[in-house]
């Protein structure tokens, strides 16, 4: 009897967990759709801005711009790692942080020190556990980072780069490729080069003739910083989409696992109940035979 009571309690607990995971799956699905719409809405603007920067930089010829020039004598770079604020999203943070640490080790072996700007509590806690230094910890962006929230980060990075404090800027995030595929990547956003500004739409496009007014450098002074801000913001929106779909998949797997566990516990309970009934019938029959 005690065994049956224990099985009933366990089955009730698993059912409560199933309700929670199913609710979290529905919430993640709604948030994924909203984040996906935001990411797809900003992507054409980012690609077109990057394409325009590539066209102008090629048409202008040898234009020496601070954002396109890598200081060779500087042995310090910066890395912006975008992790999640919450857990329960499968291997999202594990793959991201594993690649981030590998990149830092490669940079260190090359004699380059890296200043880490960590976004998200999970990445911050992981780096604290590893006792790795971080120059900045960002936890206020949430699930819907606005462009106004990301712009100061991009401006600070560009200011440090122009002053010659750092030689390059990388961003580590989980890139959203499709609903079935998300990939942790590390991309360089500074310094800009023609290879960095190429997109799928302009890789094979012929060079265009431009008549500049004002001068090419004045145009690039406005266009290149806008490109950096847009690309960094696109990294944040992609990361949010990947996080939500990872959480959606993880919660669906947890819900399916809880349903399987409920079936197993129900079978065990039925067997225990049948065994108890059989034992009671045997006792009744044995008592009846003893009276006779």
C-alpha atoms as a PDB file:
ATOM      1  CA  UNK A   1       0.000   0.000   0.000  1.00  0.00           C
ATOM      2  CA  UNK A   2       2.836   2.393   0.813  1.00  0.00           C
ATOM      3  CA  UNK A   3       4.359   1.688  -2.585  1.00  0.00           C
ATOM      4  CA  UNK A   4       1.108   2.658  -4.311  1.00  0.00           C
ATOM      5  CA  UNK A   5       0.825   5.891  -2.330  1.00  0.00           C
ATOM      6  CA  UNK A   6       4.383   6.757  -3.338  1.00  0.00           C
ATOM      7  CA  UNK A   7       3.618   6.125  -7.005  1.00  0.00           C
ATOM      8  CA  UNK A   8       0.517   8.335  -6.797  1.00  0.00           C
ATOM      9  CA  UNK A   9       2.558  11.181  -5.298  1.00  0.00           C
ATOM     10  CA  UNK A  10       5.277  10.846  -7.939  1.00  0.00           C
ATOM     11  CA  UNK A  11       2.741  10.795 -10.757  1.00  0.00           C
ATOM     12  CA  UNK A  12       1.049  13.899  -9.381  1.00  0.00           C
ATOM     13  CA  UNK A  13       4.410  15.690  -9.132  1.00  0.00           C
ATOM     14  CA  UNK A  14       5.315  14.773 -12.719  1.00  0.00           C
ATOM     15  CA  UNK A  15       1.913  16.004 -13.925  1.00  0.00           C
ATOM     16  CA  UNK A  16       2.520  19.364 -12.242  1.00  0.00           C
ATOM     17  CA  UNK A  17       5.932  19.581 -13.904  1.00  0.00           C
ATOM     18  CA  UNK A  18       4.325  18.763 -17.263  1.00  0.00           C
ATOM     19  CA  UNK A  19       1.915  21.681 -16.831  1.00  0.00           C
ATOM     20  CA  UNK A  20       4.823  24.030 -16.171  1.00  0.00           C
ATOM     21  CA  UNK A  21       6.958  22.853 -19.084  1.00  0.00           C
ATOM     22  CA  UNK A  22       3.995  22.947 -21.481  1.00  0.00           C
ATOM     23  CA  UNK A  23       3.210  26.509 -20.402  1.00  0.00           C
ATOM     24  CA  UNK A  24       6.829  27.527 -20.835  1.00  0.00           C
ATOM     25  CA  UNK A  25       6.836  25.922 -24.285  1.00  0.00           C
ATOM     26  CA  UNK A  26       3.821  27.993 -25.328  1.00  0.00           C
ATOM     27  CA  UNK A  27       5.389  31.174 -23.949  1.00  0.00           C
ATOM     28  CA  UNK A  28       8.669  30.458 -25.754  1.00  0.00           C
ATOM     29  CA  UNK A  29       6.748  29.824 -28.979  1.00  0.00           C
ATOM     30  CA  UNK A  30       5.030  33.207 -28.745  1.00  0.00           C
ATOM     31  CA  UNK A  31       8.284  34.973 -27.888  1.00  0.00           C
ATOM     32  CA  UNK A  32      10.079  33.200 -30.723  1.00  0.00           C
ATOM     33  CA  UNK A  33       7.520  34.411 -33.243  1.00  0.00           C
ATOM     34  CA  UNK A  34       7.831  37.992 -32.003  1.00  0.00           C
ATOM     35  CA  UNK A  35      11.641  37.848 -32.003  1.00  0.00           C
ATOM     36  CA  UNK A  36      11.664  36.216 -35.444  1.00  0.00           C
ATOM     37  CA  UNK A  37       9.508  39.007 -36.860  1.00  0.00           C
ATOM     38  CA  UNK A  38      11.847  41.628 -35.398  1.00  0.00           C
ATOM     39  CA  UNK A  39      14.958  39.892 -36.747  1.00  0.00           C
ATOM     40  CA  UNK A  40      13.558  39.440 -40.251  1.00  0.00           C
ATOM     41  CA  UNK A  41      12.331  43.042 -40.268  1.00  0.00           C
ATOM     42  CA  UNK A  42      15.791  44.455 -39.493  1.00  0.00           C
ATOM     43  CA  UNK A  43      17.810  42.082 -41.678  1.00  0.00           C
ATOM     44  CA  UNK A  44      17.038  43.727 -45.075  1.00  0.00           C
ATOM     45  CA  UNK A  45      18.072  47.120 -43.686  1.00  0.00           C
ATOM     46  CA  UNK A  46      21.332  45.723 -42.321  1.00  0.00           C
ATOM     47  CA  UNK A  47      22.145  43.903 -45.553  1.00  0.00           C
ATOM     48  CA  UNK A  48      21.346  46.927 -47.719  1.00  0.00           C
ATOM     49  CA  UNK A  49      23.392  49.229 -45.506  1.00  0.00           C
ATOM     50  CA  UNK A  50      26.323  46.803 -45.615  1.00  0.00           C
ATOM     51  CA  UNK A  51      25.956  46.476 -49.382  1.00  0.00           C
ATOM     52  CA  UNK A  52      25.987  50.255 -49.805  1.00  0.00           C
ATOM     53  CA  UNK A  53      29.106  50.550 -47.642  1.00  0.00           C
ATOM     54  CA  UNK A  54      30.822  47.944 -49.804  1.00  0.00           C
ATOM     55  CA  UNK A  55      29.851  49.715 -53.029  1.00  0.00           C
ATOM     56  CA  UNK A  56      31.044  53.106 -51.802  1.00  0.00           C
ATOM     57  CA  UNK A  57      34.308  51.809 -50.354  1.00  0.00           C
ATOM     58  CA  UNK A  58      35.154  50.047 -53.636  1.00  0.00           C
ATOM     59  CA  UNK A  59      34.061  52.967 -55.817  1.00  0.00           C
ATOM     60  CA  UNK A  60      35.989  55.481 -53.724  1.00  0.00           C
ATOM     61  CA  UNK A  61      39.240  53.626 -54.252  1.00  0.00           C
ATOM     62  CA  UNK A  62      41.958  53.868 -51.603  1.00  0.00           C
ATOM     63  CA  UNK A  63      40.087  55.781 -48.900  1.00  0.00           C
ATOM     64  CA  UNK A  64      41.863  55.696 -45.574  1.00  0.00           C
ATOM     65  CA  UNK A  65      39.182  55.543 -42.884  1.00  0.00           C
ATOM     66  CA  UNK A  66      39.865  54.912 -39.163  1.00  0.00           C
ATOM     67  CA  UNK A  67      37.220  52.174 -38.972  1.00  0.00           C
ATOM     68  CA  UNK A  68      38.868  50.269 -41.841  1.00  0.00           C
ATOM     69  CA  UNK A  69      42.417  50.479 -40.546  1.00  0.00           C
ATOM     70  CA  UNK A  70      43.780  47.820 -38.153  1.00  0.00           C
ATOM     71  CA  UNK A  71      46.529  49.076 -35.817  1.00  0.00           C
ATOM     72  CA  UNK A  72      49.316  46.524 -36.034  1.00  0.00           C
ATOM     73  CA  UNK A  73      51.225  47.595 -32.921  1.00  0.00           C
ATOM     74  CA  UNK A  74      48.225  47.158 -30.557  1.00  0.00           C
ATOM     75  CA  UNK A  75      48.050  43.817 -28.765  1.00  0.00           C
ATOM     76  CA  UNK A  76      44.551  44.123 -27.305  1.00  0.00           C
ATOM     77  CA  UNK A  77      41.149  43.285 -28.762  1.00  0.00           C
ATOM     78  CA  UNK A  78      37.560  43.242 -27.528  1.00  0.00           C
ATOM     79  CA  UNK A  79      34.929  40.505 -27.553  1.00  0.00           C
ATOM     80  CA  UNK A  80      31.188  40.974 -27.014  1.00  0.00           C
ATOM     81  CA  UNK A  81      29.595  37.667 -25.947  1.00  0.00           C
ATOM     82  CA  UNK A  82      25.783  37.494 -26.044  1.00  0.00           C
ATOM     83  CA  UNK A  83      24.438  34.818 -23.674  1.00  0.00           C
ATOM     84  CA  UNK A  84      20.952  34.365 -22.212  1.00  0.00           C
ATOM     85  CA  UNK A  85      19.479  35.925 -19.114  1.00  0.00           C
ATOM     86  CA  UNK A  86      17.708  32.712 -18.096  1.00  0.00           C
ATOM     87  CA  UNK A  87      18.336  29.005 -18.390  1.00  0.00           C
ATOM     88  CA  UNK A  88      16.121  26.113 -19.525  1.00  0.00           C
ATOM     89  CA  UNK A  89      17.167  26.603 -23.140  1.00  0.00           C
ATOM     90  CA  UNK A  90      19.003  23.356 -23.836  1.00  0.00           C
ATOM     91  CA  UNK A  91      22.585  23.616 -25.064  1.00  0.00           C
ATOM     92  CA  UNK A  92      22.258  27.255 -26.161  1.00  0.00           C
ATOM     93  CA  UNK A  93      24.698  28.712 -23.631  1.00  0.00           C
ATOM     94  CA  UNK A  94      26.996  25.685 -23.539  1.00  0.00           C
ATOM     95  CA  UNK A  95      27.896  25.865 -27.229  1.00  0.00           C
ATOM     96  CA  UNK A  96      28.192  29.651 -27.182  1.00  0.00           C
ATOM     97  CA  UNK A  97      30.465  29.839 -24.142  1.00  0.00           C
ATOM     98  CA  UNK A  98      32.591  26.904 -25.297  1.00  0.00           C
ATOM     99  CA  UNK A  99      33.357  28.736 -28.546  1.00  0.00           C
ATOM    100  CA  UNK A 100      33.959  31.986 -26.670  1.00  0.00           C
ATOM    101  CA  UNK A 101      36.532  30.426 -24.353  1.00  0.00           C
ATOM    102  CA  UNK A 102      38.252  28.725 -27.300  1.00  0.00           C
ATOM    103  CA  UNK A 103      38.517  32.078 -29.109  1.00  0.00           C
ATOM    104  CA  UNK A 104      39.986  33.738 -26.014  1.00  0.00           C
ATOM    105  CA  UNK A 105      42.565  30.978 -25.681  1.00  0.00           C
ATOM    106  CA  UNK A 106      43.552  31.341 -29.353  1.00  0.00           C
ATOM    107  CA  UNK A 107      43.947  35.093 -28.965  1.00  0.00           C
ATOM    108  CA  UNK A 108      46.008  34.613 -25.815  1.00  0.00           C
ATOM    109  CA  UNK A 109      48.310  32.163 -27.584  1.00  0.00           C
ATOM    110  CA  UNK A 110      48.831  34.781 -30.306  1.00  0.00           C
ATOM    111  CA  UNK A 111      49.926  37.305 -27.688  1.00  0.00           C
ATOM    112  CA  UNK A 112      46.725  39.353 -27.853  1.00  0.00           C
ATOM    113  CA  UNK A 113      44.822  40.225 -24.678  1.00  0.00           C
ATOM    114  CA  UNK A 114      41.039  40.357 -25.009  1.00  0.00           C
ATOM    115  CA  UNK A 115      38.628  42.560 -23.082  1.00  0.00           C
ATOM    116  CA  UNK A 116      35.361  40.669 -22.626  1.00  0.00           C
ATOM    117  CA  UNK A 117      32.008  42.432 -22.585  1.00  0.00           C
ATOM    118  CA  UNK A 118      29.566  39.796 -21.376  1.00  0.00           C
ATOM    119  CA  UNK A 119      25.840  40.128 -22.037  1.00  0.00           C
ATOM    120  CA  UNK A 120      23.459  37.940 -20.033  1.00  0.00           C
ATOM    121  CA  UNK A 121      23.522  36.440 -16.540  1.00  0.00           C
ATOM    122  CA  UNK A 122      24.369  32.915 -17.695  1.00  0.00           C
ATOM    123  CA  UNK A 123      27.583  34.005 -19.378  1.00  0.00           C
ATOM    124  CA  UNK A 124      28.490  36.262 -16.465  1.00  0.00           C
ATOM    125  CA  UNK A 125      28.025  33.458 -13.931  1.00  0.00           C
ATOM    126  CA  UNK A 126      30.027  31.050 -16.091  1.00  0.00           C
ATOM    127  CA  UNK A 127      32.966  33.437 -16.426  1.00  0.00           C
ATOM    128  CA  UNK A 128      32.854  34.129 -12.694  1.00  0.00           C
ATOM    129  CA  UNK A 129      33.030  30.383 -12.107  1.00  0.00           C
ATOM    130  CA  UNK A 130      36.060  30.149 -14.422  1.00  0.00           C
ATOM    131  CA  UNK A 131      37.516  33.255 -12.717  1.00  0.00           C
ATOM    132  CA  UNK A 132      37.986  34.980 -16.075  1.00  0.00           C
ATOM    133  CA  UNK A 133      38.013  38.785 -16.104  1.00  0.00           C
ATOM    134  CA  UNK A 134      35.269  40.856 -17.709  1.00  0.00           C
ATOM    135  CA  UNK A 135      35.531  44.571 -18.409  1.00  0.00           C
ATOM    136  CA  UNK A 136      31.761  45.026 -18.593  1.00  0.00           C
ATOM    137  CA  UNK A 137      28.693  43.043 -17.542  1.00  0.00           C
ATOM    138  CA  UNK A 138      25.374  43.850 -19.226  1.00  0.00           C
ATOM    139  CA  UNK A 139      22.121  42.505 -17.789  1.00  0.00           C
ATOM    140  CA  UNK A 140      19.530  45.197 -18.584  1.00  0.00           C
ATOM    141  CA  UNK A 141      18.694  44.441 -22.233  1.00  0.00           C
ATOM    142  CA  UNK A 142      16.099  41.693 -21.682  1.00  0.00           C
ATOM    143  CA  UNK A 143      14.299  39.726 -24.398  1.00  0.00           C
ATOM    144  CA  UNK A 144      13.544  42.764 -26.592  1.00  0.00           C
ATOM    145  CA  UNK A 145      16.723  44.841 -26.937  1.00  0.00           C
ATOM    146  CA  UNK A 146      15.991  48.113 -28.685  1.00  0.00           C
ATOM    147  CA  UNK A 147      18.375  49.780 -31.092  1.00  0.00           C
ATOM    148  CA  UNK A 148      18.762  52.626 -28.587  1.00  0.00           C
ATOM    149  CA  UNK A 149      20.070  50.094 -26.034  1.00  0.00           C
ATOM    150  CA  UNK A 150      22.644  48.584 -28.401  1.00  0.00           C
ATOM    151  CA  UNK A 151      23.815  51.867 -29.951  1.00  0.00           C
ATOM    152  CA  UNK A 152      25.844  53.031 -26.881  1.00  0.00           C
ATOM    153  CA  UNK A 153      27.694  49.705 -26.850  1.00  0.00           C
ATOM    154  CA  UNK A 154      28.640  50.101 -30.527  1.00  0.00           C
ATOM    155  CA  UNK A 155      29.630  53.741 -30.023  1.00  0.00           C
ATOM    156  CA  UNK A 156      31.916  52.869 -27.094  1.00  0.00           C
ATOM    157  CA  UNK A 157      33.601  50.116 -29.106  1.00  0.00           C
ATOM    158  CA  UNK A 158      34.154  52.399 -32.110  1.00  0.00           C
ATOM    159  CA  UNK A 159      35.555  55.128 -29.864  1.00  0.00           C
ATOM    160  CA  UNK A 160      38.069  52.749 -28.317  1.00  0.00           C
ATOM    161  CA  UNK A 161      39.016  51.427 -31.750  1.00  0.00           C
ATOM    162  CA  UNK A 162      39.552  54.889 -33.260  1.00  0.00           C
ATOM    163  CA  UNK A 163      41.677  55.917 -30.264  1.00  0.00           C
ATOM    164  CA  UNK A 164      43.909  52.908 -30.895  1.00  0.00           C
ATOM    165  CA  UNK A 165      43.149  51.172 -27.588  1.00  0.00           C
ATOM    166  CA  UNK A 166      42.067  47.943 -29.323  1.00  0.00           C
ATOM    167  CA  UNK A 167      42.969  46.409 -32.665  1.00  0.00           C
ATOM    168  CA  UNK A 168      39.747  44.508 -33.377  1.00  0.00           C
ATOM    169  CA  UNK A 169      36.235  43.824 -32.106  1.00  0.00           C
ATOM    170  CA  UNK A 170      34.521  40.418 -32.248  1.00  0.00           C
ATOM    171  CA  UNK A 171      30.986  39.352 -31.403  1.00  0.00           C
ATOM    172  CA  UNK A 172      30.195  35.856 -30.112  1.00  0.00           C
ATOM    173  CA  UNK A 173      26.545  34.849 -30.492  1.00  0.00           C
ATOM    174  CA  UNK A 174      24.278  32.063 -31.723  1.00  0.00           C
ATOM    175  CA  UNK A 175      23.336  32.812 -35.325  1.00  0.00           C
ATOM    176  CA  UNK A 176      19.810  31.959 -36.419  1.00  0.00           C
ATOM    177  CA  UNK A 177      19.950  30.095 -39.734  1.00  0.00           C
ATOM    178  CA  UNK A 178      16.562  28.377 -39.743  1.00  0.00           C
ATOM    179  CA  UNK A 179      14.029  26.998 -37.299  1.00  0.00           C
ATOM    180  CA  UNK A 180      15.944  23.702 -37.344  1.00  0.00           C
ATOM    181  CA  UNK A 181      19.480  25.102 -37.237  1.00  0.00           C
ATOM    182  CA  UNK A 182      21.241  27.619 -35.015  1.00  0.00           C
ATOM    183  CA  UNK A 183      25.008  27.918 -34.941  1.00  0.00           C
ATOM    184  CA  UNK A 184      27.376  29.562 -32.425  1.00  0.00           C
ATOM    185  CA  UNK A 185      29.627  31.908 -34.391  1.00  0.00           C
ATOM    186  CA  UNK A 186      32.248  34.571 -33.747  1.00  0.00           C
ATOM    187  CA  UNK A 187      32.251  37.425 -36.250  1.00  0.00           C
ATOM    188  CA  UNK A 188      34.552  40.417 -36.562  1.00  0.00           C
ATOM    189  CA  UNK A 189      32.831  43.785 -36.858  1.00  0.00           C
ATOM    190  CA  UNK A 190      35.932  45.998 -36.505  1.00  0.00           C
ATOM    191  CA  UNK A 191      37.982  46.840 -38.456  1.00  0.00           C
ATOM    192  CA  UNK A 192      35.726  46.858 -41.494  1.00  0.00           C
ATOM    193  CA  UNK A 193      37.047  45.541 -44.767  1.00  0.00           C
ATOM    194  CA  UNK A 194      35.561  44.863 -48.167  1.00  0.00           C
ATOM    195  CA  UNK A 195      35.435  41.163 -47.322  1.00  0.00           C
ATOM    196  CA  UNK A 196      33.423  41.963 -44.179  1.00  0.00           C
ATOM    197  CA  UNK A 197      30.939  44.134 -46.055  1.00  0.00           C
ATOM    198  CA  UNK A 198      30.180  41.593 -48.775  1.00  0.00           C
ATOM    199  CA  UNK A 199      26.725  40.062 -48.673  1.00  0.00           C
ATOM    200  CA  UNK A 200      25.027  37.309 -50.633  1.00  0.00           C
ATOM    201  CA  UNK A 201      23.428  39.880 -52.921  1.00  0.00           C
ATOM    202  CA  UNK A 202      26.563  41.773 -53.926  1.00  0.00           C
ATOM    203  CA  UNK A 203      29.366  39.189 -53.962  1.00  0.00           C
ATOM    204  CA  UNK A 204      29.229  38.776 -57.731  1.00  0.00           C
ATOM    205  CA  UNK A 205      27.892  42.216 -58.608  1.00  0.00           C
ATOM    206  CA  UNK A 206      29.883  44.410 -60.952  1.00  0.00           C
ATOM    207  CA  UNK A 207      31.431  47.583 -59.627  1.00  0.00           C
ATOM    208  CA  UNK A 208      29.211  50.656 -59.893  1.00  0.00           C
ATOM    209  CA  UNK A 209      30.219  54.168 -60.879  1.00  0.00           C
ATOM    210  CA  UNK A 210      29.423  56.821 -58.286  1.00  0.00           C
ATOM    211  CA  UNK A 211      29.622  60.587 -58.368  1.00  0.00           C
ATOM    212  CA  UNK A 212      30.319  61.645 -54.797  1.00  0.00           C
ATOM    213  CA  UNK A 213      28.772  64.676 -53.200  1.00  0.00           C
ATOM    214  CA  UNK A 214      30.070  65.350 -50.610  1.00  0.00           C
ATOM    215  CA  UNK A 215      33.509  63.710 -50.648  1.00  0.00           C
ATOM    216  CA  UNK A 216      33.798  59.917 -50.176  1.00  0.00           C
ATOM    217  CA  UNK A 217      35.372  60.261 -46.740  1.00  0.00           C
ATOM    218  CA  UNK A 218      32.502  62.424 -45.477  1.00  0.00           C
ATOM    219  CA  UNK A 219      29.985  59.885 -46.729  1.00  0.00           C
ATOM    220  CA  UNK A 220      31.864  56.996 -45.144  1.00  0.00           C
ATOM    221  CA  UNK A 221      32.102  58.934 -41.872  1.00  0.00           C
ATOM    222  CA  UNK A 222      28.324  58.617 -41.655  1.00  0.00           C
ATOM    223  CA  UNK A 223      27.826  55.279 -43.365  1.00  0.00           C
ATOM    224  CA  UNK A 224      30.463  53.100 -41.692  1.00  0.00           C
ATOM    225  CA  UNK A 225      29.451  53.853 -38.069  1.00  0.00           C
ATOM    226  CA  UNK A 226      25.822  53.217 -39.029  1.00  0.00           C
ATOM    227  CA  UNK A 227      26.897  49.878 -40.513  1.00  0.00           C
ATOM    228  CA  UNK A 228      28.672  48.877 -37.295  1.00  0.00           C
ATOM    229  CA  UNK A 229      25.622  49.767 -35.188  1.00  0.00           C
ATOM    230  CA  UNK A 230      23.270  47.885 -37.502  1.00  0.00           C
ATOM    231  CA  UNK A 231      25.453  44.770 -37.623  1.00  0.00           C
ATOM    232  CA  UNK A 232      25.801  44.671 -33.830  1.00  0.00           C
ATOM    233  CA  UNK A 233      22.047  45.120 -33.399  1.00  0.00           C
ATOM    234  CA  UNK A 234      21.453  42.311 -35.912  1.00  0.00           C
ATOM    235  CA  UNK A 235      23.680  40.048 -33.800  1.00  0.00           C
ATOM    236  CA  UNK A 236      21.504  40.782 -30.754  1.00  0.00           C
ATOM    237  CA  UNK A 237      18.240  40.114 -32.600  1.00  0.00           C
ATOM    238  CA  UNK A 238      19.602  36.861 -34.043  1.00  0.00           C
ATOM    239  CA  UNK A 239      20.739  35.765 -30.586  1.00  0.00           C
ATOM    240  CA  UNK A 240      17.278  36.382 -29.109  1.00  0.00           C
ATOM    241  CA  UNK A 241      15.604  34.332 -31.851  1.00  0.00           C
ATOM    242  CA  UNK A 242      18.047  31.445 -31.330  1.00  0.00           C
ATOM    243  CA  UNK A 243      17.532  31.564 -27.563  1.00  0.00           C
ATOM    244  CA  UNK A 244      13.749  31.411 -27.798  1.00  0.00           C
ATOM    245  CA  UNK A 245      13.691  28.550 -30.272  1.00  0.00           C
ATOM    246  CA  UNK A 246      16.227  26.634 -28.146  1.00  0.00           C
ATOM    247  CA  UNK A 247      14.001  27.119 -25.109  1.00  0.00           C
ATOM    248  CA  UNK A 248      10.940  26.067 -27.098  1.00  0.00           C
ATOM    249  CA  UNK A 249      12.645  22.852 -28.228  1.00  0.00           C
ATOM    250  CA  UNK A 250      13.977  22.142 -24.716  1.00  0.00           C
ATOM    251  CA  UNK A 251      10.559  22.608 -23.100  1.00  0.00           C
ATOM    252  CA  UNK A 252       8.883  20.409 -25.708  1.00  0.00           C
ATOM    253  CA  UNK A 253      11.429  17.667 -24.997  1.00  0.00           C
ATOM    254  CA  UNK A 254      10.783  18.045 -21.259  1.00  0.00           C
ATOM    255  CA  UNK A 255       7.011  17.847 -21.805  1.00  0.00           C
ATOM    256  CA  UNK A 256       7.351  14.706 -23.938  1.00  0.00           C
ATOM    257  CA  UNK A 257       9.660  13.131 -21.350  1.00  0.00           C
ATOM    258  CA  UNK A 258       7.186  13.886 -18.549  1.00  0.00           C
ATOM    259  CA  UNK A 259       4.363  12.273 -20.530  1.00  0.00           C
ATOM    260  CA  UNK A 260       6.454   9.140 -20.982  1.00  0.00           C
ATOM    261  CA  UNK A 261       7.218   9.126 -17.265  1.00  0.00           C
ATOM    262  CA  UNK A 262       3.526   9.503 -16.394  1.00  0.00           C
ATOM    263  CA  UNK A 263       2.717   6.465 -18.573  1.00  0.00           C
ATOM    264  CA  UNK A 264       5.442   4.441 -16.873  1.00  0.00           C
ATOM    265  CA  UNK A 265       4.286   5.421 -13.375  1.00  0.00           C
ATOM    266  CA  UNK A 266       0.679   4.616 -14.302  1.00  0.00           C
ATOM    267  CA  UNK A 267       1.721   1.139 -15.445  1.00  0.00           C
ATOM    268  CA  UNK A 268       3.659   0.585 -12.231  1.00  0.00           C
ATOM    269  CA  UNK A 269       0.697   1.773 -10.155  1.00  0.00           C
ATOM    270  CA  UNK A 270      -1.723  -0.534 -11.990  1.00  0.00           C
ATOM    271  CA  UNK A 271       0.588  -3.494 -11.485  1.00  0.00           C
ATOM    272  CA  UNK A 272       0.950  -2.721  -7.780  1.00  0.00           C
ATOM    273  CA  UNK A 273      -2.848  -2.370  -7.448  1.00  0.00           C
ATOM    274  CA  UNK A 274      -3.449  -5.656  -9.263  1.00  0.00           C
ATOM    275  CA  UNK A 275      -0.893  -7.382  -7.046  1.00  0.00           C
ATOM    276  CA  UNK A 276      -2.600  -6.044  -3.909  1.00  0.00           C
ATOM    277  CA  UNK A 277      -6.035  -7.199  -5.144  1.00  0.00           C
ATOM    278  CA  UNK A 278      -4.668 -10.634  -5.966  1.00  0.00           C
ATOM    279  CA  UNK A 279      -3.131 -10.950  -2.497  1.00  0.00           C
ATOM    280  CA  UNK A 280      -6.436  -9.971  -0.870  1.00  0.00           C
ATOM    281  CA  UNK A 281      -8.327 -12.540  -2.925  1.00  0.00           C
ATOM    282  CA  UNK A 282      -5.809 -15.203  -1.952  1.00  0.00           C
ATOM    283  CA  UNK A 283      -6.297 -14.311   1.705  1.00  0.00           C
ATOM    284  CA  UNK A 284     -10.075 -14.589   1.354  1.00  0.00           C
ATOM    285  CA  UNK A 285      -9.883 -17.931  -0.447  1.00  0.00           C
ATOM    286  CA  UNK A 286      -7.368 -19.303   2.062  1.00  0.00           C
ATOM    287  CA  UNK A 287      -9.591 -18.232   4.978  1.00  0.00           C
ATOM    288  CA  UNK A 288     -12.642 -19.779   3.349  1.00  0.00           C
ATOM    289  CA  UNK A 289     -10.790 -23.060   2.784  1.00  0.00           C
ATOM    290  CA  UNK A 290      -9.590 -23.082   6.399  1.00  0.00           C
ATOM    291  CA  UNK A 291     -13.164 -22.688   7.701  1.00  0.00           C
ATOM    292  CA  UNK A 292     -14.350 -25.583   5.583  1.00  0.00           C
END
